[in-house]
Amino acid sequence: MDLQHQRWEKYYTEQKSRTNDDWLKNHADYFQPGMHILDLGCGNGSNIEYLLSQSGNIYVCDYSETAIRQIKIKYPVTAIIADMREELPYRDKVFDIVISDLSLHYFSEDETKIIMHE
């Protein structure tokens, strides 16, 4: 387990609650019922309630096993543990919208380009 992974595990172990983040409401026009939406680097789910209000096809992934475990207990979404720096286990072009709230800025420019290409 690398140092970054250890830090996120510790963070989500200590932070049991989550904060709802209302930023997506400013982009409501992009969402339509039935869309397949991926929340990349979802943490412990600050965007999930809003996304579920927009579509029932919500997929989330995060690097932290602890965060994903918390999400699976609380939300009816498809949640997986995944490192966004690696190939994601989804077919190409399956998502209508991909969001990444406060996740991409942790990576170098080269890593971010690879993630965006994926």
PDB file of N, CA and C in Angstrom:
ATOM      1  N   MET A   1       0.860  -1.172   0.000  1.00  0.00           N
ATOM      2  CA  MET A   1       0.000   0.000   0.000  1.00  0.00           C
ATOM      3  C   MET A   1       0.905   1.232   0.000  1.00  0.00           C
ATOM      4  N   ASP A   2       0.712   2.110  -0.972  1.00  0.00           N
ATOM      5  CA  ASP A   2       1.553   3.296  -1.038  1.00  0.00           C
ATOM      6  C   ASP A   2       1.108   4.356  -0.020  1.00  0.00           C
ATOM      7  N   LEU A   3       1.953   5.346   0.178  1.00  0.00           N
ATOM      8  CA  LEU A   3       1.700   6.362   1.195  1.00  0.00           C
ATOM      9  C   LEU A   3       0.391   7.118   0.942  1.00  0.00           C
ATOM     10  N   GLN A   4       0.121   7.462  -0.302  1.00  0.00           N
ATOM     11  CA  GLN A   4      -1.118   8.180  -0.628  1.00  0.00           C
ATOM     12  C   GLN A   4      -2.340   7.335  -0.269  1.00  0.00           C
ATOM     13  N   HIS A   5      -2.274   6.068  -0.583  1.00  0.00           N
ATOM     14  CA  HIS A   5      -3.377   5.162  -0.271  1.00  0.00           C
ATOM     15  C   HIS A   5      -3.582   5.071   1.241  1.00  0.00           C
ATOM     16  N   GLN A   6      -2.504   4.971   1.981  1.00  0.00           N
ATOM     17  CA  GLN A   6      -2.586   4.932   3.446  1.00  0.00           C
ATOM     18  C   GLN A   6      -3.253   6.194   3.989  1.00  0.00           C
ATOM     19  N   ARG A   7      -2.901   7.337   3.430  1.00  0.00           N
ATOM     20  CA  ARG A   7      -3.493   8.605   3.888  1.00  0.00           C
ATOM     21  C   ARG A   7      -5.000   8.638   3.661  1.00  0.00           C
ATOM     22  N   TRP A   8      -5.453   8.171   2.489  1.00  0.00           N
ATOM     23  CA  TRP A   8      -6.889   8.184   2.213  1.00  0.00           C
ATOM     24  C   TRP A   8      -7.628   7.185   3.083  1.00  0.00           C
ATOM     25  N   GLU A   9      -7.028   6.040   3.322  1.00  0.00           N
ATOM     26  CA  GLU A   9      -7.668   5.071   4.217  1.00  0.00           C
ATOM     27  C   GLU A   9      -7.832   5.663   5.614  1.00  0.00           C
ATOM     28  N   LYS A  10      -6.795   6.317   6.097  1.00  0.00           N
ATOM     29  CA  LYS A  10      -6.849   6.945   7.419  1.00  0.00           C
ATOM     30  C   LYS A  10      -7.909   8.043   7.434  1.00  0.00           C
ATOM     31  N   TYR A  11      -7.933   8.855   6.387  1.00  0.00           N
ATOM     32  CA  TYR A  11      -8.898   9.966   6.312  1.00  0.00           C
ATOM     33  C   TYR A  11     -10.337   9.447   6.391  1.00  0.00           C
ATOM     34  N   TYR A  12     -10.683   8.447   5.587  1.00  0.00           N
ATOM     35  CA  TYR A  12     -12.058   7.959   5.566  1.00  0.00           C
ATOM     36  C   TYR A  12     -12.398   7.083   6.772  1.00  0.00           C
ATOM     37  N   THR A  13     -11.400   6.519   7.411  1.00  0.00           N
ATOM     38  CA  THR A  13     -11.644   5.804   8.660  1.00  0.00           C
ATOM     39  C   THR A  13     -12.006   6.781   9.765  1.00  0.00           C
ATOM     40  N   GLU A  14     -11.332   7.919   9.787  1.00  0.00           N
ATOM     41  CA  GLU A  14     -11.576   8.928  10.827  1.00  0.00           C
ATOM     42  C   GLU A  14     -12.785   9.797  10.524  1.00  0.00           C
ATOM     43  N   GLN A  15     -13.098   9.994   9.253  1.00  0.00           N
ATOM     44  CA  GLN A  15     -14.222  10.850   8.859  1.00  0.00           C
ATOM     45  C   GLN A  15     -15.400   9.965   8.476  1.00  0.00           C
ATOM     46  N   LYS A  16     -16.231   9.648   9.420  1.00  0.00           N
ATOM     47  CA  LYS A  16     -17.371   8.756   9.182  1.00  0.00           C
ATOM     48  C   LYS A  16     -18.517   9.480   8.472  1.00  0.00           C
ATOM     49  N   SER A  17     -18.651  10.775   8.720  1.00  0.00           N
ATOM     50  CA  SER A  17     -19.737  11.513   8.075  1.00  0.00           C
ATOM     51  C   SER A  17     -19.233  12.102   6.766  1.00  0.00           C
ATOM     52  N   ARG A  18     -20.143  12.545   5.963  1.00  0.00           N
ATOM     53  CA  ARG A  18     -19.778  13.186   4.697  1.00  0.00           C
ATOM     54  C   ARG A  18     -20.491  14.520   4.613  1.00  0.00           C
ATOM     55  N   THR A  19     -19.973  15.364   3.787  1.00  0.00           N
ATOM     56  CA  THR A  19     -20.569  16.674   3.591  1.00  0.00           C
ATOM     57  C   THR A  19     -21.242  16.698   2.228  1.00  0.00           C
ATOM     58  N   ASN A  20     -22.515  17.074   2.190  1.00  0.00           N
ATOM     59  CA  ASN A  20     -23.164  17.235   0.891  1.00  0.00           C
ATOM     60  C   ASN A  20     -22.576  18.443   0.198  1.00  0.00           C
ATOM     61  N   ASP A  21     -22.324  18.275  -1.065  1.00  0.00           N
ATOM     62  CA  ASP A  21     -21.730  19.327  -1.864  1.00  0.00           C
ATOM     63  C   ASP A  21     -22.754  19.716  -2.925  1.00  0.00           C
ATOM     64  N   ASP A  22     -23.194  20.955  -2.921  1.00  0.00           N
ATOM     65  CA  ASP A  22     -24.277  21.392  -3.814  1.00  0.00           C
ATOM     66  C   ASP A  22     -23.804  21.931  -5.162  1.00  0.00           C
ATOM     67  N   TRP A  23     -22.540  21.807  -5.492  1.00  0.00           N
ATOM     68  CA  TRP A  23     -22.032  22.391  -6.722  1.00  0.00           C
ATOM     69  C   TRP A  23     -22.717  21.836  -7.966  1.00  0.00           C
ATOM     70  N   LEU A  24     -23.149  20.596  -7.940  1.00  0.00           N
ATOM     71  CA  LEU A  24     -23.774  19.997  -9.120  1.00  0.00           C
ATOM     72  C   LEU A  24     -25.110  20.643  -9.477  1.00  0.00           C
ATOM     73  N   LYS A  25     -25.778  21.230  -8.506  1.00  0.00           N
ATOM     74  CA  LYS A  25     -27.056  21.889  -8.783  1.00  0.00           C
ATOM     75  C   LYS A  25     -26.891  23.009  -9.800  1.00  0.00           C
ATOM     76  N   ASN A  26     -25.709  23.593  -9.866  1.00  0.00           N
ATOM     77  CA  ASN A  26     -25.438  24.646 -10.851  1.00  0.00           C
ATOM     78  C   ASN A  26     -25.351  24.098 -12.272  1.00  0.00           C
ATOM     79  N   HIS A  27     -25.319  22.791 -12.395  1.00  0.00           N
ATOM     80  CA  HIS A  27     -25.180  22.149 -13.702  1.00  0.00           C
ATOM     81  C   HIS A  27     -26.343  21.203 -13.996  1.00  0.00           C
ATOM     82  N   ALA A  28     -27.478  21.475 -13.402  1.00  0.00           N
ATOM     83  CA  ALA A  28     -28.646  20.591 -13.509  1.00  0.00           C
ATOM     84  C   ALA A  28     -29.088  20.353 -14.953  1.00  0.00           C
ATOM     85  N   ASP A  29     -28.862  21.317 -15.836  1.00  0.00           N
ATOM     86  CA  ASP A  29     -29.286  21.164 -17.229  1.00  0.00           C
ATOM     87  C   ASP A  29     -28.580  20.020 -17.960  1.00  0.00           C
ATOM     88  N   TYR A  30     -27.453  19.594 -17.454  1.00  0.00           N
ATOM     89  CA  TYR A  30     -26.718  18.509 -18.098  1.00  0.00           C
ATOM     90  C   TYR A  30     -27.315  17.128 -17.812  1.00  0.00           C
ATOM     91  N   PHE A  31     -28.069  17.024 -16.757  1.00  0.00           N
ATOM     92  CA  PHE A  31     -28.570  15.724 -16.317  1.00  0.00           C
ATOM     93  C   PHE A  31     -29.957  15.436 -16.877  1.00  0.00           C
ATOM     94  N   GLN A  32     -30.136  14.185 -17.300  1.00  0.00           N
ATOM     95  CA  GLN A  32     -31.421  13.708 -17.798  1.00  0.00           C
ATOM     96  C   GLN A  32     -31.704  12.359 -17.155  1.00  0.00           C
ATOM     97  N   PRO A  33     -32.979  12.051 -16.915  1.00  0.00           N
ATOM     98  CA  PRO A  33     -33.314  10.730 -16.349  1.00  0.00           C
ATOM     99  C   PRO A  33     -32.768   9.613 -17.240  1.00  0.00           C
ATOM    100  N   GLY A  34     -32.291   8.569 -16.620  1.00  0.00           N
ATOM    101  CA  GLY A  34     -31.801   7.413 -17.357  1.00  0.00           C
ATOM    102  C   GLY A  34     -30.347   7.472 -17.764  1.00  0.00           C
ATOM    103  N   MET A  35     -29.700   8.608 -17.565  1.00  0.00           N
ATOM    104  CA  MET A  35     -28.287   8.703 -17.911  1.00  0.00           C
ATOM    105  C   MET A  35     -27.453   7.767 -17.045  1.00  0.00           C
ATOM    106  N   HIS A  36     -26.335   7.331 -17.603  1.00  0.00           N
ATOM    107  CA  HIS A  36     -25.343   6.564 -16.852  1.00  0.00           C
ATOM    108  C   HIS A  36     -24.258   7.553 -16.430  1.00  0.00           C
ATOM    109  N   ILE A  37     -24.089   7.686 -15.117  1.00  0.00           N
ATOM    110  CA  ILE A  37     -23.193   8.700 -14.574  1.00  0.00           C
ATOM    111  C   ILE A  37     -22.124   8.032 -13.720  1.00  0.00           C
ATOM    112  N   LEU A  38     -20.868   8.427 -13.940  1.00  0.00           N
ATOM    113  CA  LEU A  38     -19.747   7.939 -13.146  1.00  0.00           C
ATOM    114  C   LEU A  38     -19.207   9.076 -12.292  1.00  0.00           C
ATOM    115  N   ASP A  39     -19.094   8.814 -10.997  1.00  0.00           N
ATOM    116  CA  ASP A  39     -18.442   9.741 -10.072  1.00  0.00           C
ATOM    117  C   ASP A  39     -17.065   9.159  -9.781  1.00  0.00           C
ATOM    118  N   LEU A  40     -16.062   9.714 -10.450  1.00  0.00           N
ATOM    119  CA  LEU A  40     -14.691   9.232 -10.409  1.00  0.00           C
ATOM    120  C   LEU A  40     -13.975   9.880  -9.228  1.00  0.00           C
ATOM    121  N   GLY A  41     -13.489   9.072  -8.302  1.00  0.00           N
ATOM    122  CA  GLY A  41     -12.882   9.619  -7.086  1.00  0.00           C
ATOM    123  C   GLY A  41     -13.954  10.146  -6.155  1.00  0.00           C
ATOM    124  N   CYS A  42     -14.959   9.321  -5.911  1.00  0.00           N
ATOM    125  CA  CYS A  42     -16.181   9.742  -5.213  1.00  0.00           C
ATOM    126  C   CYS A  42     -16.007   9.978  -3.721  1.00  0.00           C
ATOM    127  N   GLY A  43     -14.881   9.557  -3.157  1.00  0.00           N
ATOM    128  CA  GLY A  43     -14.730   9.687  -1.708  1.00  0.00           C
ATOM    129  C   GLY A  43     -15.818   8.904  -1.011  1.00  0.00           C
ATOM    130  N   ASN A  44     -16.366   9.475   0.057  1.00  0.00           N
ATOM    131  CA  ASN A  44     -17.429   8.749   0.760  1.00  0.00           C
ATOM    132  C   ASN A  44     -18.820   9.234   0.373  1.00  0.00           C
ATOM    133  N   GLY A  45     -18.931   9.846  -0.807  1.00  0.00           N
ATOM    134  CA  GLY A  45     -20.244  10.042  -1.391  1.00  0.00           C
ATOM    135  C   GLY A  45     -20.896  11.405  -1.307  1.00  0.00           C
ATOM    136  N   SER A  46     -20.141  12.478  -1.299  1.00  0.00           N
ATOM    137  CA  SER A  46     -20.759  13.804  -1.148  1.00  0.00           C
ATOM    138  C   SER A  46     -21.666  14.194  -2.314  1.00  0.00           C
ATOM    139  N   ASN A  47     -21.513  13.571  -3.454  1.00  0.00           N
ATOM    140  CA  ASN A  47     -22.353  13.909  -4.616  1.00  0.00           C
ATOM    141  C   ASN A  47     -23.463  12.897  -4.888  1.00  0.00           C
ATOM    142  N   ILE A  48     -23.470  11.792  -4.194  1.00  0.00           N
ATOM    143  CA  ILE A  48     -24.352  10.683  -4.549  1.00  0.00           C
ATOM    144  C   ILE A  48     -25.835  11.026  -4.407  1.00  0.00           C
ATOM    145  N   GLU A  49     -26.217  11.670  -3.343  1.00  0.00           N
ATOM    146  CA  GLU A  49     -27.647  11.975  -3.175  1.00  0.00           C
ATOM    147  C   GLU A  49     -28.165  12.821  -4.330  1.00  0.00           C
ATOM    148  N   TYR A  50     -27.414  13.813  -4.735  1.00  0.00           N
ATOM    149  CA  TYR A  50     -27.850  14.635  -5.871  1.00  0.00           C
ATOM    150  C   TYR A  50     -27.891  13.801  -7.151  1.00  0.00           C
ATOM    151  N   LEU A  51     -26.862  13.022  -7.390  1.00  0.00           N
ATOM    152  CA  LEU A  51     -26.829  12.209  -8.603  1.00  0.00           C
ATOM    153  C   LEU A  51     -27.998  11.229  -8.646  1.00  0.00           C
ATOM    154  N   LEU A  52     -28.326  10.629  -7.523  1.00  0.00           N
ATOM    155  CA  LEU A  52     -29.472   9.720  -7.483  1.00  0.00           C
ATOM    156  C   LEU A  52     -30.788  10.444  -7.756  1.00  0.00           C
ATOM    157  N   SER A  53     -30.865  11.714  -7.398  1.00  0.00           N
ATOM    158  CA  SER A  53     -32.082  12.482  -7.687  1.00  0.00           C
ATOM    159  C   SER A  53     -32.214  12.775  -9.184  1.00  0.00           C
ATOM    160  N   GLN A  54     -31.125  12.628  -9.916  1.00  0.00           N
ATOM    161  CA  GLN A  54     -31.123  12.919 -11.345  1.00  0.00           C
ATOM    162  C   GLN A  54     -31.228  11.662 -12.206  1.00  0.00           C
ATOM    163  N   SER A  55     -30.726  10.532 -11.703  1.00  0.00           N
ATOM    164  CA  SER A  55     -30.706   9.304 -12.488  1.00  0.00           C
ATOM    165  C   SER A  55     -30.555   8.113 -11.549  1.00  0.00           C
ATOM    166  N   GLY A  56     -31.042   6.987 -11.957  1.00  0.00           N
ATOM    167  CA  GLY A  56     -30.890   5.777 -11.161  1.00  0.00           C
ATOM    168  C   GLY A  56     -29.676   4.955 -11.554  1.00  0.00           C
ATOM    169  N   ASN A  57     -28.932   5.425 -12.546  1.00  0.00           N
ATOM    170  CA  ASN A  57     -27.793   4.676 -13.075  1.00  0.00           C
ATOM    171  C   ASN A  57     -26.484   5.323 -12.632  1.00  0.00           C
ATOM    172  N   ILE A  58     -26.192   5.203 -11.348  1.00  0.00           N
ATOM    173  CA  ILE A  58     -25.024   5.866 -10.790  1.00  0.00           C
ATOM    174  C   ILE A  58     -23.949   4.830 -10.481  1.00  0.00           C
ATOM    175  N   TYR A  59     -22.756   5.121 -10.951  1.00  0.00           N
ATOM    176  CA  TYR A  59     -21.582   4.294 -10.707  1.00  0.00           C
ATOM    177  C   TYR A  59     -20.558   5.178 -10.009  1.00  0.00           C
ATOM    178  N   VAL A  60     -19.908   4.639  -9.007  1.00  0.00           N
ATOM    179  CA  VAL A  60     -18.907   5.419  -8.285  1.00  0.00           C
ATOM    180  C   VAL A  60     -17.664   4.561  -8.084  1.00  0.00           C
ATOM    181  N   CYS A  61     -16.521   5.226  -8.051  1.00  0.00           N
ATOM    182  CA  CYS A  61     -15.297   4.508  -7.745  1.00  0.00           C
ATOM    183  C   CYS A  61     -14.362   5.415  -6.965  1.00  0.00           C
ATOM    184  N   ASP A  62     -13.567   4.781  -6.149  1.00  0.00           N
ATOM    185  CA  ASP A  62     -12.580   5.501  -5.358  1.00  0.00           C
ATOM    186  C   ASP A  62     -11.443   4.553  -5.022  1.00  0.00           C
ATOM    187  N   TYR A  63     -10.338   5.136  -4.688  1.00  0.00           N
ATOM    188  CA  TYR A  63      -9.107   4.464  -4.307  1.00  0.00           C
ATOM    189  C   TYR A  63      -9.212   3.836  -2.917  1.00  0.00           C
ATOM    190  N   SER A  64     -10.074   4.382  -2.091  1.00  0.00           N
ATOM    191  CA  SER A  64     -10.176   3.971  -0.691  1.00  0.00           C
ATOM    192  C   SER A  64     -11.218   2.873  -0.494  1.00  0.00           C
ATOM    193  N   GLU A  65     -10.761   1.730   0.003  1.00  0.00           N
ATOM    194  CA  GLU A  65     -11.680   0.638   0.327  1.00  0.00           C
ATOM    195  C   GLU A  65     -12.669   1.070   1.405  1.00  0.00           C
ATOM    196  N   THR A  66     -12.191   1.856   2.365  1.00  0.00           N
ATOM    197  CA  THR A  66     -13.038   2.316   3.461  1.00  0.00           C
ATOM    198  C   THR A  66     -14.168   3.193   2.941  1.00  0.00           C
ATOM    199  N   ALA A  67     -13.860   4.119   2.047  1.00  0.00           N
ATOM    200  CA  ALA A  67     -14.892   4.995   1.480  1.00  0.00           C
ATOM    201  C   ALA A  67     -15.924   4.182   0.700  1.00  0.00           C
ATOM    202  N   ILE A  68     -15.468   3.252  -0.113  1.00  0.00           N
ATOM    203  CA  ILE A  68     -16.388   2.434  -0.904  1.00  0.00           C
ATOM    204  C   ILE A  68     -17.252   1.569   0.005  1.00  0.00           C
ATOM    205  N   ARG A  69     -16.684   1.041   1.057  1.00  0.00           N
ATOM    206  CA  ARG A  69     -17.463   0.240   2.008  1.00  0.00           C
ATOM    207  C   ARG A  69     -18.568   1.089   2.638  1.00  0.00           C
ATOM    208  N   GLN A  70     -18.257   2.336   3.006  1.00  0.00           N
ATOM    209  CA  GLN A  70     -19.256   3.238   3.579  1.00  0.00           C
ATOM    210  C   GLN A  70     -20.381   3.514   2.577  1.00  0.00           C
ATOM    211  N   ILE A  71     -20.029   3.719   1.329  1.00  0.00           N
ATOM    212  CA  ILE A  71     -21.022   3.992   0.285  1.00  0.00           C
ATOM    213  C   ILE A  71     -21.937   2.788   0.070  1.00  0.00           C
ATOM    214  N   LYS A  72     -21.370   1.596  -0.004  1.00  0.00           N
ATOM    215  CA  LYS A  72     -22.169   0.397  -0.250  1.00  0.00           C
ATOM    216  C   LYS A  72     -23.203   0.168   0.845  1.00  0.00           C
ATOM    217  N   ILE A  73     -22.898   0.577   2.048  1.00  0.00           N
ATOM    218  CA  ILE A  73     -23.836   0.426   3.158  1.00  0.00           C
ATOM    219  C   ILE A  73     -25.006   1.394   3.016  1.00  0.00           C
ATOM    220  N   LYS A  74     -24.743   2.574   2.488  1.00  0.00           N
ATOM    221  CA  LYS A  74     -25.743   3.638   2.510  1.00  0.00           C
ATOM    222  C   LYS A  74     -26.511   3.840   1.201  1.00  0.00           C
ATOM    223  N   TYR A  75     -25.910   3.575   0.055  1.00  0.00           N
ATOM    224  CA  TYR A  75     -26.521   3.979  -1.217  1.00  0.00           C
ATOM    225  C   TYR A  75     -26.720   2.817  -2.193  1.00  0.00           C
ATOM    226  N   PRO A  76     -27.788   2.874  -2.982  1.00  0.00           N
ATOM    227  CA  PRO A  76     -28.030   1.853  -4.007  1.00  0.00           C
ATOM    228  C   PRO A  76     -27.332   2.218  -5.324  1.00  0.00           C
ATOM    229  N   VAL A  77     -26.014   2.213  -5.304  1.00  0.00           N
ATOM    230  CA  VAL A  77     -25.229   2.538  -6.492  1.00  0.00           C
ATOM    231  C   VAL A  77     -24.229   1.417  -6.734  1.00  0.00           C
ATOM    232  N   THR A  78     -23.697   1.372  -7.933  1.00  0.00           N
ATOM    233  CA  THR A  78     -22.636   0.431  -8.245  1.00  0.00           C
ATOM    234  C   THR A  78     -21.327   1.079  -7.822  1.00  0.00           C
ATOM    235  N   ALA A  79     -20.695   0.550  -6.788  1.00  0.00           N
ATOM    236  CA  ALA A  79     -19.492   1.148  -6.211  1.00  0.00           C
ATOM    237  C   ALA A  79     -18.330   0.165  -6.267  1.00  0.00           C
ATOM    238  N   ILE A  80     -17.202   0.630  -6.796  1.00  0.00           N
ATOM    239  CA  ILE A  80     -16.022  -0.231  -6.879  1.00  0.00           C
ATOM    240  C   ILE A  80     -14.790   0.509  -6.375  1.00  0.00           C
ATOM    241  N   ILE A  81     -13.815  -0.270  -5.971  1.00  0.00           N
ATOM    242  CA  ILE A  81     -12.507   0.258  -5.607  1.00  0.00           C
ATOM    243  C   ILE A  81     -11.691   0.298  -6.885  1.00  0.00           C
ATOM    244  N   ALA A  82     -11.154   1.462  -7.216  1.00  0.00           N
ATOM    245  CA  ALA A  82     -10.359   1.589  -8.430  1.00  0.00           C
ATOM    246  C   ALA A  82      -9.387   2.752  -8.294  1.00  0.00           C
ATOM    247  N   ASP A  83      -8.230   2.575  -8.864  1.00  0.00           N
ATOM    248  CA  ASP A  83      -7.222   3.627  -8.947  1.00  0.00           C
ATOM    249  C   ASP A  83      -7.384   4.265 -10.322  1.00  0.00           C
ATOM    250  N   MET A  84      -7.816   5.505 -10.365  1.00  0.00           N
ATOM    251  CA  MET A  84      -8.105   6.148 -11.648  1.00  0.00           C
ATOM    252  C   MET A  84      -6.869   6.321 -12.519  1.00  0.00           C
ATOM    253  N   ARG A  85      -5.687   6.105 -11.970  1.00  0.00           N
ATOM    254  CA  ARG A  85      -4.460   6.171 -12.773  1.00  0.00           C
ATOM    255  C   ARG A  85      -4.285   4.920 -13.620  1.00  0.00           C
ATOM    256  N   GLU A  86      -5.094   3.900 -13.342  1.00  0.00           N
ATOM    257  CA  GLU A  86      -5.023   2.650 -14.088  1.00  0.00           C
ATOM    258  C   GLU A  86      -6.275   2.499 -14.944  1.00  0.00           C
ATOM    259  N   GLU A  87      -6.245   1.552 -15.859  1.00  0.00           N
ATOM    260  CA  GLU A  87      -7.412   1.323 -16.712  1.00  0.00           C
ATOM    261  C   GLU A  87      -8.618   0.975 -15.848  1.00  0.00           C
ATOM    262  N   LEU A  88      -9.714   1.653 -16.110  1.00  0.00           N
ATOM    263  CA  LEU A  88     -10.933   1.421 -15.330  1.00  0.00           C
ATOM    264  C   LEU A  88     -11.705   0.228 -15.898  1.00  0.00           C
ATOM    265  N   PRO A  89     -12.416  -0.488 -15.054  1.00  0.00           N
ATOM    266  CA  PRO A  89     -13.090  -1.718 -15.488  1.00  0.00           C
ATOM    267  C   PRO A  89     -14.468  -1.477 -16.115  1.00  0.00           C
ATOM    268  N   TYR A  90     -14.554  -0.480 -16.961  1.00  0.00           N
ATOM    269  CA  TYR A  90     -15.818  -0.161 -17.624  1.00  0.00           C
ATOM    270  C   TYR A  90     -15.600  -0.223 -19.131  1.00  0.00           C
ATOM    271  N   ARG A  91     -16.650  -0.588 -19.844  1.00  0.00           N
ATOM    272  CA  ARG A  91     -16.578  -0.557 -21.303  1.00  0.00           C
ATOM    273  C   ARG A  91     -16.448   0.888 -21.769  1.00  0.00           C
ATOM    274  N   ASP A  92     -15.899   1.091 -22.931  1.00  0.00           N
ATOM    275  CA  ASP A  92     -15.794   2.431 -23.509  1.00  0.00           C
ATOM    276  C   ASP A  92     -17.174   2.992 -23.809  1.00  0.00           C
ATOM    277  N   LYS A  93     -17.317   4.257 -23.622  1.00  0.00           N
ATOM    278  CA  LYS A  93     -18.507   5.035 -23.988  1.00  0.00           C
ATOM    279  C   LYS A  93     -19.782   4.562 -23.296  1.00  0.00           C
ATOM    280  N   VAL A  94     -19.669   4.014 -22.090  1.00  0.00           N
ATOM    281  CA  VAL A  94     -20.854   3.566 -21.365  1.00  0.00           C
ATOM    282  C   VAL A  94     -21.490   4.701 -20.560  1.00  0.00           C
ATOM    283  N   PHE A  95     -20.714   5.741 -20.242  1.00  0.00           N
ATOM    284  CA  PHE A  95     -21.218   6.823 -19.402  1.00  0.00           C
ATOM    285  C   PHE A  95     -21.597   8.052 -20.219  1.00  0.00           C
ATOM    286  N   ASP A  96     -22.715   8.642 -19.829  1.00  0.00           N
ATOM    287  CA  ASP A  96     -23.142   9.896 -20.452  1.00  0.00           C
ATOM    288  C   ASP A  96     -22.423  11.083 -19.817  1.00  0.00           C
ATOM    289  N   ILE A  97     -22.152  10.965 -18.525  1.00  0.00           N
ATOM    290  CA  ILE A  97     -21.459  12.028 -17.777  1.00  0.00           C
ATOM    291  C   ILE A  97     -20.459  11.375 -16.836  1.00  0.00           C
ATOM    292  N   VAL A  98     -19.279  11.948 -16.766  1.00  0.00           N
ATOM    293  CA  VAL A  98     -18.278  11.554 -15.774  1.00  0.00           C
ATOM    294  C   VAL A  98     -17.944  12.806 -14.985  1.00  0.00           C
ATOM    295  N   ILE A  99     -18.076  12.716 -13.667  1.00  0.00           N
ATOM    296  CA  ILE A  99     -17.669  13.838 -12.824  1.00  0.00           C
ATOM    297  C   ILE A  99     -16.492  13.389 -11.968  1.00  0.00           C
ATOM    298  N   SER A 100     -15.672  14.340 -11.607  1.00  0.00           N
ATOM    299  CA  SER A 100     -14.534  14.068 -10.733  1.00  0.00           C
ATOM    300  C   SER A 100     -14.366  15.292  -9.849  1.00  0.00           C
ATOM    301  N   ASP A 101     -15.053  15.280  -8.746  1.00  0.00           N
ATOM    302  CA  ASP A 101     -15.095  16.405  -7.818  1.00  0.00           C
ATOM    303  C   ASP A 101     -13.900  16.343  -6.869  1.00  0.00           C
ATOM    304  N   LEU A 102     -13.005  17.298  -7.002  1.00  0.00           N
ATOM    305  CA  LEU A 102     -11.838  17.408  -6.113  1.00  0.00           C
ATOM    306  C   LEU A 102     -10.967  16.152  -6.122  1.00  0.00           C
ATOM    307  N   SER A 103     -10.735  15.616  -7.302  1.00  0.00           N
ATOM    308  CA  SER A 103      -9.891  14.427  -7.409  1.00  0.00           C
ATOM    309  C   SER A 103      -8.701  14.625  -8.338  1.00  0.00           C
ATOM    310  N   LEU A 104      -8.916  15.208  -9.470  1.00  0.00           N
ATOM    311  CA  LEU A 104      -7.859  15.270 -10.485  1.00  0.00           C
ATOM    312  C   LEU A 104      -6.689  16.174 -10.105  1.00  0.00           C
ATOM    313  N   HIS A 105      -6.910  17.132  -9.262  1.00  0.00           N
ATOM    314  CA  HIS A 105      -5.827  18.068  -8.929  1.00  0.00           C
ATOM    315  C   HIS A 105      -4.719  17.432  -8.092  1.00  0.00           C
ATOM    316  N   TYR A 106      -4.889  16.192  -7.658  1.00  0.00           N
ATOM    317  CA  TYR A 106      -3.853  15.504  -6.899  1.00  0.00           C
ATOM    318  C   TYR A 106      -2.757  14.922  -7.794  1.00  0.00           C
ATOM    319  N   PHE A 107      -2.983  14.908  -9.090  1.00  0.00           N
ATOM    320  CA  PHE A 107      -2.085  14.221  -9.998  1.00  0.00           C
ATOM    321  C   PHE A 107      -1.246  15.190 -10.819  1.00  0.00           C
ATOM    322  N   SER A 108      -0.132  14.664 -11.324  1.00  0.00           N
ATOM    323  CA  SER A 108       0.714  15.455 -12.213  1.00  0.00           C
ATOM    324  C   SER A 108      -0.032  15.709 -13.524  1.00  0.00           C
ATOM    325  N   GLU A 109       0.469  16.611 -14.300  1.00  0.00           N
ATOM    326  CA  GLU A 109      -0.151  16.908 -15.598  1.00  0.00           C
ATOM    327  C   GLU A 109      -0.182  15.666 -16.485  1.00  0.00           C
ATOM    328  N   ASP A 110       0.915  14.911 -16.502  1.00  0.00           N
ATOM    329  CA  ASP A 110       0.961  13.702 -17.328  1.00  0.00           C
ATOM    330  C   ASP A 110      -0.051  12.663 -16.857  1.00  0.00           C
ATOM    331  N   GLU A 111      -0.145  12.459 -15.537  1.00  0.00           N
ATOM    332  CA  GLU A 111      -1.125  11.506 -15.011  1.00  0.00           C
ATOM    333  C   GLU A 111      -2.552  11.966 -15.320  1.00  0.00           C
ATOM    334  N   THR A 112      -2.794  13.259 -15.193  1.00  0.00           N
ATOM    335  CA  THR A 112      -4.129  13.797 -15.472  1.00  0.00           C
ATOM    336  C   THR A 112      -4.513  13.568 -16.932  1.00  0.00           C
ATOM    337  N   LYS A 113      -3.583  13.744 -17.826  1.00  0.00           N
ATOM    338  CA  LYS A 113      -3.850  13.492 -19.255  1.00  0.00           C
ATOM    339  C   LYS A 113      -4.221  12.030 -19.502  1.00  0.00           C
ATOM    340  N   ILE A 114      -3.523  11.124 -18.836  1.00  0.00           N
ATOM    341  CA  ILE A 114      -3.823   9.695 -18.975  1.00  0.00           C
ATOM    342  C   ILE A 114      -5.218   9.395 -18.436  1.00  0.00           C
ATOM    343  N   ILE A 115      -5.529   9.951 -17.281  1.00  0.00           N
ATOM    344  CA  ILE A 115      -6.856   9.750 -16.673  1.00  0.00           C
ATOM    345  C   ILE A 115      -7.941  10.294 -17.582  1.00  0.00           C
ATOM    346  N   MET A 116      -7.744  11.480 -18.112  1.00  0.00           N
ATOM    347  CA  MET A 116      -8.743  12.085 -18.992  1.00  0.00           C
ATOM    348  C   MET A 116      -8.933  11.266 -20.272  1.00  0.00           C
ATOM    349  N   HIS A 117      -7.882  10.708 -20.783  1.00  0.00           N
ATOM    350  CA  HIS A 117      -7.983   9.869 -21.983  1.00  0.00           C
ATOM    351  C   HIS A 117      -8.803   8.618 -21.687  1.00  0.00           C
ATOM    352  N   GLU A 118      -8.591   8.049 -20.526  1.00  0.00           N
ATOM    353  CA  GLU A 118      -9.341   6.843 -20.135  1.00  0.00           C
ATOM    354  C   GLU A 118     -10.820   7.162 -20.041  1.00  0.00           C
TER     355      GLU A 118
END
